[in-house]
Protein backbone atom coordinates (compact mmCIF):
# COMPACT_ATOMS: atom_id res chain seq x y z
CA UNK A 1 0.00 0.00 0.00
CA UNK A 2 2.84 2.39 0.89
CA UNK A 3 4.58 1.65 -2.44
CA UNK A 4 1.44 2.70 -4.36
CA UNK A 5 1.29 6.11 -2.67
CA UNK A 6 4.98 6.78 -3.38
CA UNK A 7 4.51 5.88 -7.05
CA UNK A 8 1.37 8.03 -7.23
CA UNK A 9 3.18 11.05 -5.75
CA UNK A 10 6.10 10.64 -8.18
CA UNK A 11 3.61 10.32 -11.06
CA UNK A 12 1.84 13.53 -10.01
CA UNK A 13 5.17 15.41 -9.87
CA UNK A 14 6.13 14.12 -13.32
CA UNK A 15 2.74 15.18 -14.71
CA UNK A 16 3.07 18.66 -13.18
CA UNK A 17 6.58 18.94 -14.64
CA UNK A 18 5.34 18.00 -18.12
CA UNK A 19 2.52 20.54 -17.90
CA UNK A 20 4.99 23.25 -16.87
CA UNK A 21 7.29 22.37 -19.80
CA UNK A 22 4.35 22.51 -22.23
CA UNK A 23 3.27 25.90 -20.87
CA UNK A 24 6.80 27.34 -21.16
CA UNK A 25 7.20 25.97 -24.70
CA UNK A 26 3.95 27.56 -25.82
CA UNK A 27 4.67 30.87 -24.07
CA UNK A 28 8.26 31.30 -25.27
CA UNK A 29 7.45 29.94 -28.72
CA UNK A 30 4.64 32.50 -29.04
CA UNK A 31 2.24 29.80 -30.22
CA UNK A 32 -1.45 30.63 -30.21
CA UNK A 33 -3.57 27.63 -29.21
CA UNK A 34 -7.04 29.08 -28.86
CA UNK A 35 -6.80 31.54 -31.74
CA UNK A 36 -5.74 35.10 -31.48
CA UNK A 37 -7.35 38.47 -31.76
CA UNK A 38 -5.24 39.84 -34.59
CA UNK A 39 -5.52 41.13 -38.14
CA UNK A 40 -3.09 41.53 -41.03
CA UNK A 41 -2.05 44.48 -43.15
CA UNK A 42 0.84 44.92 -45.56
CA UNK A 43 3.61 47.42 -46.25
CA UNK A 44 5.78 47.71 -49.36
CA UNK A 45 9.50 48.50 -49.04
CA UNK A 46 12.22 49.09 -51.64
CA UNK A 47 14.70 47.28 -49.38
CA UNK A 48 14.21 45.32 -46.15
CA UNK A 49 17.91 44.56 -45.56
CA UNK A 50 17.90 41.85 -42.89
CA UNK A 51 14.28 41.99 -41.69
CA UNK A 52 13.05 38.47 -40.94
CA UNK A 53 9.76 36.67 -40.48
CA UNK A 54 8.74 36.90 -36.81
CA UNK A 55 10.39 40.30 -36.27
CA UNK A 56 8.55 42.55 -33.84
CA UNK A 57 6.41 45.54 -34.76
CA UNK A 58 6.45 48.40 -32.28
CA UNK A 59 4.80 51.72 -31.53
CA UNK A 60 6.59 53.88 -28.94
CA UNK A 61 8.75 50.89 -27.95
CA UNK A 62 5.75 48.65 -27.21
CA UNK A 63 5.34 45.47 -29.25
CA UNK A 64 2.02 45.46 -31.13
CA UNK A 65 2.55 42.55 -33.50
CA UNK A 66 4.92 40.43 -35.58
CA UNK A 67 6.02 40.13 -39.19
CA UNK A 68 3.95 37.26 -40.58
CA UNK A 69 5.64 36.82 -43.97
CA UNK A 70 7.80 38.57 -46.56
CA UNK A 71 7.10 38.38 -50.29
CA UNK A 72 8.74 39.74 -53.43
CA UNK A 73 6.37 41.48 -55.86
CA UNK A 74 7.56 43.49 -58.85
CA UNK A 75 11.07 44.02 -57.40
CA UNK A 76 9.69 45.32 -54.10
CA UNK A 77 9.49 43.58 -50.74
CA UNK A 78 5.94 43.23 -49.42
CA UNK A 79 5.88 42.64 -45.67
CA UNK A 80 2.69 41.17 -44.19
CA UNK A 81 2.18 42.41 -40.63
CA UNK A 82 0.07 40.64 -38.02
CA UNK A 83 -1.15 43.24 -35.50
CA UNK A 84 -2.96 42.86 -32.18
CA UNK A 85 -6.70 43.29 -32.67
CA UNK A 86 -6.98 46.20 -30.25
CA UNK A 87 -4.42 48.31 -32.20
CA UNK A 88 -5.76 50.61 -34.90
CA UNK A 89 -3.34 52.26 -37.32
CA UNK A 90 -4.21 55.55 -38.98
CA UNK A 91 -4.21 55.79 -42.79
CA UNK A 92 -1.17 58.08 -42.78
CA UNK A 93 0.94 55.88 -40.47
CA UNK A 94 4.61 55.43 -41.42
CA UNK A 95 6.41 52.07 -41.20
CA UNK A 96 10.19 52.24 -40.73
CA UNK A 97 12.70 49.42 -40.46
CA UNK A 98 14.99 50.00 -37.49
CA UNK A 99 17.75 48.10 -35.70
CA UNK A 100 17.80 47.19 -32.01
CA UNK A 101 21.21 48.25 -30.75
CA UNK A 102 24.32 48.57 -32.87
CA UNK A 103 24.28 45.10 -34.43
CA UNK A 104 20.89 43.93 -33.23
CA UNK A 105 17.88 42.46 -34.96
CA UNK A 106 15.72 44.46 -37.33
CA UNK A 107 12.17 45.43 -36.36
CA UNK A 108 9.41 47.62 -37.76
CA UNK A 109 8.65 50.89 -36.01
CA UNK A 110 5.24 52.40 -36.70
CA UNK A 111 4.71 56.15 -36.36
CA UNK A 112 1.05 57.06 -36.15
CA UNK A 113 -0.23 59.88 -38.31
CA UNK A 114 -2.99 62.38 -37.66
CA UNK A 115 -5.71 61.07 -39.98
CA UNK A 116 -9.21 60.38 -38.71
CA UNK A 117 -9.47 57.22 -40.85
CA UNK A 118 -7.96 53.87 -39.89
CA UNK A 119 -6.40 51.09 -41.98
CA UNK A 120 -8.83 48.19 -42.28
CA UNK A 121 -7.84 44.51 -42.03
CA UNK A 122 -6.14 43.50 -45.27
CA UNK A 123 -5.23 47.13 -45.96
CA UNK A 124 -1.85 48.64 -46.71
CA UNK A 125 0.51 51.13 -45.07
CA UNK A 126 1.31 53.64 -47.82
CA UNK A 127 4.31 55.41 -46.30
CA UNK A 128 7.43 53.33 -45.61
CA UNK A 129 11.08 54.04 -44.87
CA UNK A 130 13.81 51.51 -45.69
CA UNK A 131 16.55 50.75 -43.15
CA UNK A 132 19.66 52.89 -42.94
CA UNK A 133 22.47 51.04 -44.72
CA UNK A 134 25.44 51.54 -42.40
CA UNK A 135 27.84 49.64 -44.67
CA UNK A 136 27.05 51.96 -47.58
CA UNK A 137 27.57 55.05 -45.44
CA UNK A 138 30.89 53.79 -44.07
CA UNK A 139 32.03 52.85 -47.57
CA UNK A 140 31.20 56.31 -48.90
CA UNK A 141 33.04 57.95 -46.03
CA UNK A 142 36.15 55.74 -46.29
CA UNK A 143 36.48 55.96 -50.07
CA UNK A 144 35.76 59.70 -50.22
CA UNK A 145 32.44 59.59 -51.99
CA UNK A 146 30.65 61.78 -49.47
CA UNK A 147 29.03 64.94 -50.88
CA UNK A 148 31.26 67.17 -48.72
CA UNK A 149 34.34 65.96 -50.61
CA UNK A 150 32.75 66.93 -53.92
CA UNK A 151 32.12 70.41 -52.58
CA UNK A 152 35.77 70.73 -51.46
CA UNK A 153 37.10 69.75 -54.88
CA UNK A 154 34.76 72.20 -56.57
CA UNK A 155 36.04 74.95 -54.28
CA UNK A 156 39.65 74.18 -55.24
CA UNK A 157 38.84 74.56 -58.95
CA UNK A 158 37.46 78.04 -58.36
C-alpha atoms as a PDB file:
ATOM      1  CA  UNK A   1       0.000   0.000   0.000  1.00  0.00           C
ATOM      2  CA  UNK A   2       2.842   2.395   0.891  1.00  0.00           C
ATOM      3  CA  UNK A   3       4.577   1.653  -2.441  1.00  0.00           C
ATOM      4  CA  UNK A   4       1.445   2.695  -4.359  1.00  0.00           C
ATOM      5  CA  UNK A   5       1.289   6.106  -2.669  1.00  0.00           C
ATOM      6  CA  UNK A   6       4.979   6.784  -3.377  1.00  0.00           C
ATOM      7  CA  UNK A   7       4.506   5.884  -7.049  1.00  0.00           C
ATOM      8  CA  UNK A   8       1.370   8.030  -7.232  1.00  0.00           C
ATOM      9  CA  UNK A   9       3.176  11.053  -5.755  1.00  0.00           C
ATOM     10  CA  UNK A  10       6.096  10.644  -8.183  1.00  0.00           C
ATOM     11  CA  UNK A  11       3.614  10.323 -11.061  1.00  0.00           C
ATOM     12  CA  UNK A  12       1.842  13.528 -10.010  1.00  0.00           C
ATOM     13  CA  UNK A  13       5.167  15.413  -9.874  1.00  0.00           C
ATOM     14  CA  UNK A  14       6.129  14.118 -13.324  1.00  0.00           C
ATOM     15  CA  UNK A  15       2.738  15.180 -14.712  1.00  0.00           C
ATOM     16  CA  UNK A  16       3.074  18.662 -13.184  1.00  0.00           C
ATOM     17  CA  UNK A  17       6.585  18.945 -14.636  1.00  0.00           C
ATOM     18  CA  UNK A  18       5.342  18.004 -18.122  1.00  0.00           C
ATOM     19  CA  UNK A  19       2.524  20.539 -17.903  1.00  0.00           C
ATOM     20  CA  UNK A  20       4.994  23.247 -16.870  1.00  0.00           C
ATOM     21  CA  UNK A  21       7.292  22.366 -19.800  1.00  0.00           C
ATOM     22  CA  UNK A  22       4.351  22.507 -22.230  1.00  0.00           C
ATOM     23  CA  UNK A  23       3.272  25.896 -20.870  1.00  0.00           C
ATOM     24  CA  UNK A  24       6.799  27.336 -21.161  1.00  0.00           C
ATOM     25  CA  UNK A  25       7.198  25.968 -24.700  1.00  0.00           C
ATOM     26  CA  UNK A  26       3.953  27.558 -25.816  1.00  0.00           C
ATOM     27  CA  UNK A  27       4.669  30.870 -24.072  1.00  0.00           C
ATOM     28  CA  UNK A  28       8.255  31.299 -25.266  1.00  0.00           C
ATOM     29  CA  UNK A  29       7.454  29.945 -28.722  1.00  0.00           C
ATOM     30  CA  UNK A  30       4.639  32.499 -29.038  1.00  0.00           C
ATOM     31  CA  UNK A  31       2.242  29.800 -30.219  1.00  0.00           C
ATOM     32  CA  UNK A  32      -1.451  30.633 -30.213  1.00  0.00           C
ATOM     33  CA  UNK A  33      -3.568  27.627 -29.214  1.00  0.00           C
ATOM     34  CA  UNK A  34      -7.037  29.079 -28.863  1.00  0.00           C
ATOM     35  CA  UNK A  35      -6.802  31.541 -31.744  1.00  0.00           C
ATOM     36  CA  UNK A  36      -5.737  35.101 -31.485  1.00  0.00           C
ATOM     37  CA  UNK A  37      -7.350  38.474 -31.757  1.00  0.00           C
ATOM     38  CA  UNK A  38      -5.235  39.840 -34.593  1.00  0.00           C
ATOM     39  CA  UNK A  39      -5.517  41.135 -38.140  1.00  0.00           C
ATOM     40  CA  UNK A  40      -3.094  41.526 -41.030  1.00  0.00           C
ATOM     41  CA  UNK A  41      -2.055  44.481 -43.146  1.00  0.00           C
ATOM     42  CA  UNK A  42       0.840  44.921 -45.559  1.00  0.00           C
ATOM     43  CA  UNK A  43       3.613  47.415 -46.252  1.00  0.00           C
ATOM     44  CA  UNK A  44       5.778  47.712 -49.362  1.00  0.00           C
ATOM     45  CA  UNK A  45       9.496  48.496 -49.038  1.00  0.00           C
ATOM     46  CA  UNK A  46      12.223  49.094 -51.644  1.00  0.00           C
ATOM     47  CA  UNK A  47      14.703  47.280 -49.381  1.00  0.00           C
ATOM     48  CA  UNK A  48      14.207  45.320 -46.147  1.00  0.00           C
ATOM     49  CA  UNK A  49      17.912  44.561 -45.555  1.00  0.00           C
ATOM     50  CA  UNK A  50      17.898  41.845 -42.889  1.00  0.00           C
ATOM     51  CA  UNK A  51      14.279  41.987 -41.691  1.00  0.00           C
ATOM     52  CA  UNK A  52      13.055  38.466 -40.942  1.00  0.00           C
ATOM     53  CA  UNK A  53       9.765  36.667 -40.478  1.00  0.00           C
ATOM     54  CA  UNK A  54       8.739  36.897 -36.811  1.00  0.00           C
ATOM     55  CA  UNK A  55      10.391  40.300 -36.267  1.00  0.00           C
ATOM     56  CA  UNK A  56       8.547  42.554 -33.842  1.00  0.00           C
ATOM     57  CA  UNK A  57       6.405  45.538 -34.765  1.00  0.00           C
ATOM     58  CA  UNK A  58       6.449  48.403 -32.278  1.00  0.00           C
ATOM     59  CA  UNK A  59       4.800  51.723 -31.531  1.00  0.00           C
ATOM     60  CA  UNK A  60       6.586  53.880 -28.936  1.00  0.00           C
ATOM     61  CA  UNK A  61       8.753  50.892 -27.954  1.00  0.00           C
ATOM     62  CA  UNK A  62       5.752  48.654 -27.213  1.00  0.00           C
ATOM     63  CA  UNK A  63       5.335  45.467 -29.254  1.00  0.00           C
ATOM     64  CA  UNK A  64       2.017  45.462 -31.130  1.00  0.00           C
ATOM     65  CA  UNK A  65       2.554  42.551 -33.498  1.00  0.00           C
ATOM     66  CA  UNK A  66       4.919  40.431 -35.575  1.00  0.00           C
ATOM     67  CA  UNK A  67       6.019  40.128 -39.194  1.00  0.00           C
ATOM     68  CA  UNK A  68       3.954  37.260 -40.582  1.00  0.00           C
ATOM     69  CA  UNK A  69       5.637  36.818 -43.970  1.00  0.00           C
ATOM     70  CA  UNK A  70       7.795  38.566 -46.557  1.00  0.00           C
ATOM     71  CA  UNK A  71       7.104  38.377 -50.285  1.00  0.00           C
ATOM     72  CA  UNK A  72       8.744  39.744 -53.429  1.00  0.00           C
ATOM     73  CA  UNK A  73       6.375  41.480 -55.858  1.00  0.00           C
ATOM     74  CA  UNK A  74       7.564  43.490 -58.852  1.00  0.00           C
ATOM     75  CA  UNK A  75      11.066  44.017 -57.404  1.00  0.00           C
ATOM     76  CA  UNK A  76       9.693  45.317 -54.104  1.00  0.00           C
ATOM     77  CA  UNK A  77       9.488  43.580 -50.737  1.00  0.00           C
ATOM     78  CA  UNK A  78       5.941  43.232 -49.422  1.00  0.00           C
ATOM     79  CA  UNK A  79       5.877  42.642 -45.673  1.00  0.00           C
ATOM     80  CA  UNK A  80       2.689  41.167 -44.189  1.00  0.00           C
ATOM     81  CA  UNK A  81       2.182  42.411 -40.634  1.00  0.00           C
ATOM     82  CA  UNK A  82       0.072  40.644 -38.016  1.00  0.00           C
ATOM     83  CA  UNK A  83      -1.152  43.236 -35.504  1.00  0.00           C
ATOM     84  CA  UNK A  84      -2.962  42.859 -32.180  1.00  0.00           C
ATOM     85  CA  UNK A  85      -6.697  43.290 -32.672  1.00  0.00           C
ATOM     86  CA  UNK A  86      -6.979  46.203 -30.248  1.00  0.00           C
ATOM     87  CA  UNK A  87      -4.421  48.310 -32.205  1.00  0.00           C
ATOM     88  CA  UNK A  88      -5.762  50.605 -34.904  1.00  0.00           C
ATOM     89  CA  UNK A  89      -3.343  52.263 -37.319  1.00  0.00           C
ATOM     90  CA  UNK A  90      -4.211  55.550 -38.981  1.00  0.00           C
ATOM     91  CA  UNK A  91      -4.213  55.793 -42.790  1.00  0.00           C
ATOM     92  CA  UNK A  92      -1.166  58.076 -42.785  1.00  0.00           C
ATOM     93  CA  UNK A  93       0.939  55.882 -40.472  1.00  0.00           C
ATOM     94  CA  UNK A  94       4.607  55.432 -41.420  1.00  0.00           C
ATOM     95  CA  UNK A  95       6.405  52.067 -41.198  1.00  0.00           C
ATOM     96  CA  UNK A  96      10.195  52.241 -40.734  1.00  0.00           C
ATOM     97  CA  UNK A  97      12.704  49.416 -40.461  1.00  0.00           C
ATOM     98  CA  UNK A  98      14.992  50.005 -37.486  1.00  0.00           C
ATOM     99  CA  UNK A  99      17.755  48.101 -35.700  1.00  0.00           C
ATOM    100  CA  UNK A 100      17.795  47.191 -32.013  1.00  0.00           C
ATOM    101  CA  UNK A 101      21.207  48.255 -30.748  1.00  0.00           C
ATOM    102  CA  UNK A 102      24.320  48.569 -32.871  1.00  0.00           C
ATOM    103  CA  UNK A 103      24.284  45.104 -34.426  1.00  0.00           C
ATOM    104  CA  UNK A 104      20.891  43.927 -33.226  1.00  0.00           C
ATOM    105  CA  UNK A 105      17.883  42.462 -34.963  1.00  0.00           C
ATOM    106  CA  UNK A 106      15.718  44.461 -37.326  1.00  0.00           C
ATOM    107  CA  UNK A 107      12.172  45.428 -36.357  1.00  0.00           C
ATOM    108  CA  UNK A 108       9.405  47.620 -37.758  1.00  0.00           C
ATOM    109  CA  UNK A 109       8.648  50.888 -36.006  1.00  0.00           C
ATOM    110  CA  UNK A 110       5.240  52.402 -36.697  1.00  0.00           C
ATOM    111  CA  UNK A 111       4.714  56.146 -36.362  1.00  0.00           C
ATOM    112  CA  UNK A 112       1.049  57.062 -36.150  1.00  0.00           C
ATOM    113  CA  UNK A 113      -0.234  59.884 -38.310  1.00  0.00           C
ATOM    114  CA  UNK A 114      -2.993  62.380 -37.661  1.00  0.00           C
ATOM    115  CA  UNK A 115      -5.707  61.069 -39.977  1.00  0.00           C
ATOM    116  CA  UNK A 116      -9.210  60.376 -38.713  1.00  0.00           C
ATOM    117  CA  UNK A 117      -9.469  57.222 -40.850  1.00  0.00           C
ATOM    118  CA  UNK A 118      -7.955  53.867 -39.887  1.00  0.00           C
ATOM    119  CA  UNK A 119      -6.405  51.089 -41.982  1.00  0.00           C
ATOM    120  CA  UNK A 120      -8.826  48.186 -42.283  1.00  0.00           C
ATOM    121  CA  UNK A 121      -7.837  44.514 -42.027  1.00  0.00           C
ATOM    122  CA  UNK A 122      -6.143  43.496 -45.272  1.00  0.00           C
ATOM    123  CA  UNK A 123      -5.226  47.133 -45.961  1.00  0.00           C
ATOM    124  CA  UNK A 124      -1.851  48.643 -46.711  1.00  0.00           C
ATOM    125  CA  UNK A 125       0.511  51.131 -45.068  1.00  0.00           C
ATOM    126  CA  UNK A 126       1.314  53.637 -47.824  1.00  0.00           C
ATOM    127  CA  UNK A 127       4.312  55.406 -46.298  1.00  0.00           C
ATOM    128  CA  UNK A 128       7.429  53.332 -45.608  1.00  0.00           C
ATOM    129  CA  UNK A 129      11.080  54.045 -44.867  1.00  0.00           C
ATOM    130  CA  UNK A 130      13.806  51.507 -45.686  1.00  0.00           C
ATOM    131  CA  UNK A 131      16.549  50.755 -43.153  1.00  0.00           C
ATOM    132  CA  UNK A 132      19.663  52.889 -42.940  1.00  0.00           C
ATOM    133  CA  UNK A 133      22.466  51.038 -44.720  1.00  0.00           C
ATOM    134  CA  UNK A 134      25.444  51.544 -42.398  1.00  0.00           C
ATOM    135  CA  UNK A 135      27.841  49.643 -44.666  1.00  0.00           C
ATOM    136  CA  UNK A 136      27.047  51.964 -47.576  1.00  0.00           C
ATOM    137  CA  UNK A 137      27.571  55.053 -45.436  1.00  0.00           C
ATOM    138  CA  UNK A 138      30.887  53.786 -44.067  1.00  0.00           C
ATOM    139  CA  UNK A 139      32.032  52.850 -47.574  1.00  0.00           C
ATOM    140  CA  UNK A 140      31.197  56.306 -48.898  1.00  0.00           C
ATOM    141  CA  UNK A 141      33.039  57.946 -46.033  1.00  0.00           C
ATOM    142  CA  UNK A 142      36.146  55.744 -46.295  1.00  0.00           C
ATOM    143  CA  UNK A 143      36.475  55.962 -50.067  1.00  0.00           C
ATOM    144  CA  UNK A 144      35.757  59.703 -50.220  1.00  0.00           C
ATOM    145  CA  UNK A 145      32.438  59.588 -51.988  1.00  0.00           C
ATOM    146  CA  UNK A 146      30.648  61.780 -49.467  1.00  0.00           C
ATOM    147  CA  UNK A 147      29.025  64.936 -50.877  1.00  0.00           C
ATOM    148  CA  UNK A 148      31.255  67.171 -48.718  1.00  0.00           C
ATOM    149  CA  UNK A 149      34.340  65.960 -50.611  1.00  0.00           C
ATOM    150  CA  UNK A 150      32.748  66.926 -53.916  1.00  0.00           C
ATOM    151  CA  UNK A 151      32.122  70.407 -52.584  1.00  0.00           C
ATOM    152  CA  UNK A 152      35.769  70.729 -51.460  1.00  0.00           C
ATOM    153  CA  UNK A 153      37.099  69.754 -54.878  1.00  0.00           C
ATOM    154  CA  UNK A 154      34.756  72.205 -56.572  1.00  0.00           C
ATOM    155  CA  UNK A 155      36.041  74.951 -54.279  1.00  0.00           C
ATOM    156  CA  UNK A 156      39.651  74.183 -55.242  1.00  0.00           C
ATOM    157  CA  UNK A 157      38.838  74.556 -58.949  1.00  0.00           C
ATOM    158  CA  UNK A 158      37.463  78.041 -58.363  1.00  0.00           C
END
